[in-house]
Each structure stands twice: as C-alpha cells, then as structure tokens.
Amino acid sequence: MTPRNIKKTISIASISALFLFIIIYAFFRSKDLIFGVKIQNVNLADGTKIENSIVNLKGNAKNATELLLDGREISIDDNGDWNETIALLPGYNIVSIEAKDKFGGSDEKIYKLTL
C-alpha cells in the first residue's frame, strides 16, 4: 500500500466512525420518544381479592410527565416512581392508572379488584 492509500483508508474509517457515533448518540437521546411512556412494576394484579379496604399502590411510570390514578393526578419522582394510598369500597372496584408523556403518548392500566 502506498502512503496515499493509507491516508485515504484512515480518512474513510474516521468519517465512518464519526457517523456511527452520531447515529448511536441520536438513538440514546431520542429513546424516550421512540419507546414512549410505560407503566410498570405496579404492586397489583388484575382480579385480585383484597382483604383490607386501604391499599398502598406503588409502581413506576417510565418516561411519564403526568400520572392519573382514577382520574386524579398524583405525583411522581424524577425516576418515574410513585406511591399512593387508596380506599376501596366493599365489593367490586376498578382502579385505573394512566400515564402521559411530554410527546402526547399515553399508557393505561386497569385493575379489577374485589374487597
């Protein structure tokens, strides 16, 4: 290989590495937009029979800016973790959790509980 070919190869490799770095960086910066909001790790299961009328709910709303529990806004921390206590009525109860992100996306979970 001549010195000119070596320079050309190094130049092409450097430009390729730069573009690859830009693509990877753009993906990690926009992953919240790509994957959207997600409600996860809720300490309830659908169809559960509850013995106590006071229930402490916990979970995570990943990438959420607003979280609604039965239509009432509740607070979330910077990691998306939340913790709220609710009172259930005797019989059949429906608990809805809705999370919204800053891009207009939303996720909703509905739990049917029996006291």
C-alpha atoms as a PDB file:
ATOM      1  CA  MET A   1       0.000   0.000   0.000  1.00  0.00           C
ATOM      2  CA  THR A   2       1.160   3.435  -0.811  1.00  0.00           C
ATOM      3  CA  PRO A   3       1.105   6.235   1.741  1.00  0.00           C
ATOM      4  CA  ARG A   4      -1.689   7.888  -0.266  1.00  0.00           C
ATOM      5  CA  ASN A   5      -3.897   4.769   0.021  1.00  0.00           C
ATOM      6  CA  ILE A   6      -3.204   4.524   3.752  1.00  0.00           C
ATOM      7  CA  LYS A   7      -4.257   8.153   4.270  1.00  0.00           C
ATOM      8  CA  LYS A   8      -7.411   7.578   2.241  1.00  0.00           C
ATOM      9  CA  THR A   9      -8.289   4.436   4.225  1.00  0.00           C
ATOM     10  CA  ILE A  10      -7.718   6.188   7.554  1.00  0.00           C
ATOM     11  CA  SER A  11      -9.815   9.150   6.400  1.00  0.00           C
ATOM     12  CA  ILE A  12     -12.735   6.923   5.338  1.00  0.00           C
ATOM     13  CA  ALA A  13     -12.528   4.929   8.588  1.00  0.00           C
ATOM     14  CA  SER A  14     -12.521   8.121  10.682  1.00  0.00           C
ATOM     15  CA  ILE A  15     -15.534   9.574   8.868  1.00  0.00           C
ATOM     16  CA  SER A  16     -17.389   6.251   9.197  1.00  0.00           C
ATOM     17  CA  ALA A  17     -16.639   6.100  12.940  1.00  0.00           C
ATOM     18  CA  LEU A  18     -17.855   9.692  13.359  1.00  0.00           C
ATOM     19  CA  PHE A  19     -21.162   8.959  11.578  1.00  0.00           C
ATOM     20  CA  LEU A  20     -21.617   5.781  13.632  1.00  0.00           C
ATOM     21  CA  PHE A  21     -21.038   7.767  16.833  1.00  0.00           C
ATOM     22  CA  ILE A  22     -23.608  10.390  15.738  1.00  0.00           C
ATOM     23  CA  ILE A  23     -26.218   7.699  14.977  1.00  0.00           C
ATOM     24  CA  ILE A  24     -25.696   5.952  18.341  1.00  0.00           C
ATOM     25  CA  TYR A  25     -25.800   9.274  20.214  1.00  0.00           C
ATOM     26  CA  ALA A  26     -29.034  10.298  18.432  1.00  0.00           C
ATOM     27  CA  PHE A  27     -30.651   6.966  19.320  1.00  0.00           C
ATOM     28  CA  PHE A  28     -29.837   7.288  23.023  1.00  0.00           C
ATOM     29  CA  ARG A  29     -31.035  10.900  23.134  1.00  0.00           C
ATOM     30  CA  SER A  30     -34.345  10.038  21.451  1.00  0.00           C
ATOM     31  CA  LYS A  31     -35.128   6.689  23.101  1.00  0.00           C
ATOM     32  CA  ASP A  32     -37.826   8.321  25.271  1.00  0.00           C
ATOM     33  CA  LEU A  33     -39.629   9.409  22.116  1.00  0.00           C
ATOM     34  CA  ILE A  34     -39.094   6.069  20.384  1.00  0.00           C
ATOM     35  CA  PHE A  35     -40.234   3.837  23.256  1.00  0.00           C
ATOM     36  CA  GLY A  36     -42.791   6.208  24.817  1.00  0.00           C
ATOM     37  CA  VAL A  37     -44.360   6.086  28.261  1.00  0.00           C
ATOM     38  CA  LYS A  38     -44.754   2.765  30.072  1.00  0.00           C
ATOM     39  CA  ILE A  39     -46.483   1.876  33.357  1.00  0.00           C
ATOM     40  CA  GLN A  40     -44.637  -0.967  35.065  1.00  0.00           C
ATOM     41  CA  ASN A  41     -43.932  -2.695  38.400  1.00  0.00           C
ATOM     42  CA  VAL A  42     -47.382  -1.988  39.853  1.00  0.00           C
ATOM     43  CA  ASN A  43     -47.933  -3.960  43.061  1.00  0.00           C
ATOM     44  CA  LEU A  44     -51.429  -5.066  41.944  1.00  0.00           C
ATOM     45  CA  ALA A  45     -52.686  -7.933  39.853  1.00  0.00           C
ATOM     46  CA  ASP A  46     -55.908  -7.845  37.865  1.00  0.00           C
ATOM     47  CA  GLY A  47     -58.700  -9.858  39.520  1.00  0.00           C
ATOM     48  CA  THR A  48     -57.107  -9.831  42.971  1.00  0.00           C
ATOM     49  CA  LYS A  49     -59.215 -10.312  46.100  1.00  0.00           C
ATOM     50  CA  ILE A  50     -58.164  -7.758  48.709  1.00  0.00           C
ATOM     51  CA  GLU A  51     -58.744  -8.249  52.445  1.00  0.00           C
ATOM     52  CA  ASN A  52     -58.059  -4.683  53.642  1.00  0.00           C
ATOM     53  CA  SER A  53     -60.020  -1.650  52.395  1.00  0.00           C
ATOM     54  CA  ILE A  54     -56.907   0.578  52.492  1.00  0.00           C
ATOM     55  CA  VAL A  55     -54.400  -0.315  49.770  1.00  0.00           C
ATOM     56  CA  ASN A  56     -50.966   1.205  49.227  1.00  0.00           C
ATOM     57  CA  LEU A  57     -50.208   1.265  45.493  1.00  0.00           C
ATOM     58  CA  LYS A  58     -46.661   1.541  44.156  1.00  0.00           C
ATOM     59  CA  GLY A  59     -45.203   1.424  40.704  1.00  0.00           C
ATOM     60  CA  ASN A  60     -43.164   3.104  38.032  1.00  0.00           C
ATOM     61  CA  ALA A  61     -44.297   5.219  35.099  1.00  0.00           C
ATOM     62  CA  LYS A  62     -41.244   5.288  32.872  1.00  0.00           C
ATOM     63  CA  ASN A  63     -40.880   8.495  30.786  1.00  0.00           C
ATOM     64  CA  ALA A  64     -44.114   9.954  32.244  1.00  0.00           C
ATOM     65  CA  THR A  65     -44.692  13.632  32.954  1.00  0.00           C
ATOM     66  CA  GLU A  66     -48.242  13.188  34.262  1.00  0.00           C
ATOM     67  CA  LEU A  67     -49.827  10.282  36.137  1.00  0.00           C
ATOM     68  CA  LEU A  68     -53.529   9.873  36.861  1.00  0.00           C
ATOM     69  CA  LEU A  69     -54.948   7.410  39.388  1.00  0.00           C
ATOM     70  CA  ASP A  70     -58.721   7.072  38.875  1.00  0.00           C
ATOM     71  CA  GLY A  71     -58.700  10.444  37.080  1.00  0.00           C
ATOM     72  CA  ARG A  72     -56.831  12.217  39.899  1.00  0.00           C
ATOM     73  CA  GLU A  73     -53.295  13.456  39.276  1.00  0.00           C
ATOM     74  CA  ILE A  74     -50.658  12.005  41.596  1.00  0.00           C
ATOM     75  CA  SER A  75     -47.019  12.927  41.996  1.00  0.00           C
ATOM     76  CA  ILE A  76     -44.094  11.013  40.544  1.00  0.00           C
ATOM     77  CA  ASP A  77     -40.388  11.437  41.210  1.00  0.00           C
ATOM     78  CA  ASP A  78     -37.611  12.001  38.655  1.00  0.00           C
ATOM     79  CA  ASN A  79     -37.236   8.246  38.096  1.00  0.00           C
ATOM     80  CA  GLY A  80     -40.980   7.818  37.478  1.00  0.00           C
ATOM     81  CA  ASP A  81     -41.602   6.043  40.803  1.00  0.00           C
ATOM     82  CA  TRP A  82     -44.898   6.698  42.542  1.00  0.00           C
ATOM     83  CA  ASN A  83     -46.636   5.665  45.751  1.00  0.00           C
ATOM     84  CA  GLU A  84     -50.286   6.346  46.639  1.00  0.00           C
ATOM     85  CA  THR A  85     -52.815   5.042  49.168  1.00  0.00           C
ATOM     86  CA  ILE A  86     -56.430   4.457  48.149  1.00  0.00           C
ATOM     87  CA  ALA A  87     -59.575   3.272  49.912  1.00  0.00           C
ATOM     88  CA  LEU A  88     -61.665   0.531  48.336  1.00  0.00           C
ATOM     89  CA  LEU A  89     -65.396   0.067  48.717  1.00  0.00           C
ATOM     90  CA  PRO A  90     -66.902  -3.304  49.644  1.00  0.00           C
ATOM     91  CA  GLY A  91     -67.442  -5.473  46.573  1.00  0.00           C
ATOM     92  CA  TYR A  92     -66.116  -4.867  43.065  1.00  0.00           C
ATOM     93  CA  ASN A  93     -63.644  -1.994  42.442  1.00  0.00           C
ATOM     94  CA  ILE A  94     -61.954  -0.731  39.289  1.00  0.00           C
ATOM     95  CA  VAL A  95     -58.628   1.093  39.594  1.00  0.00           C
ATOM     96  CA  SER A  96     -57.309   2.859  36.501  1.00  0.00           C
ATOM     97  CA  ILE A  97     -53.799   4.243  36.146  1.00  0.00           C
ATOM     98  CA  GLU A  98     -52.981   6.463  33.163  1.00  0.00           C
ATOM     99  CA  ALA A  99     -49.578   7.916  32.358  1.00  0.00           C
ATOM    100  CA  LYS A 100     -48.846  10.616  29.772  1.00  0.00           C
ATOM    101  CA  ASP A 101     -45.519  11.738  28.353  1.00  0.00           C
ATOM    102  CA  LYS A 102     -44.350  15.090  27.013  1.00  0.00           C
ATOM    103  CA  PHE A 103     -44.836  13.948  23.412  1.00  0.00           C
ATOM    104  CA  GLY A 104     -48.559  13.194  23.789  1.00  0.00           C
ATOM    105  CA  GLY A 105     -48.191   9.431  24.187  1.00  0.00           C
ATOM    106  CA  SER A 106     -50.040   7.581  26.925  1.00  0.00           C
ATOM    107  CA  ASP A 107     -50.318   4.198  28.607  1.00  0.00           C
ATOM    108  CA  GLU A 108     -53.225   2.961  30.713  1.00  0.00           C
ATOM    109  CA  LYS A 109     -53.608   0.014  33.053  1.00  0.00           C
ATOM    110  CA  ILE A 110     -56.937  -1.049  34.526  1.00  0.00           C
ATOM    111  CA  TYR A 111     -57.159  -3.353  37.546  1.00  0.00           C
ATOM    112  CA  LYS A 112     -60.377  -5.038  38.713  1.00  0.00           C
ATOM    113  CA  LEU A 113     -60.302  -5.789  42.429  1.00  0.00           C
ATOM    114  CA  THR A 114     -62.711  -7.366  44.889  1.00  0.00           C
ATOM    115  CA  LEU A 115     -62.819  -6.379  48.554  1.00  0.00           C
END
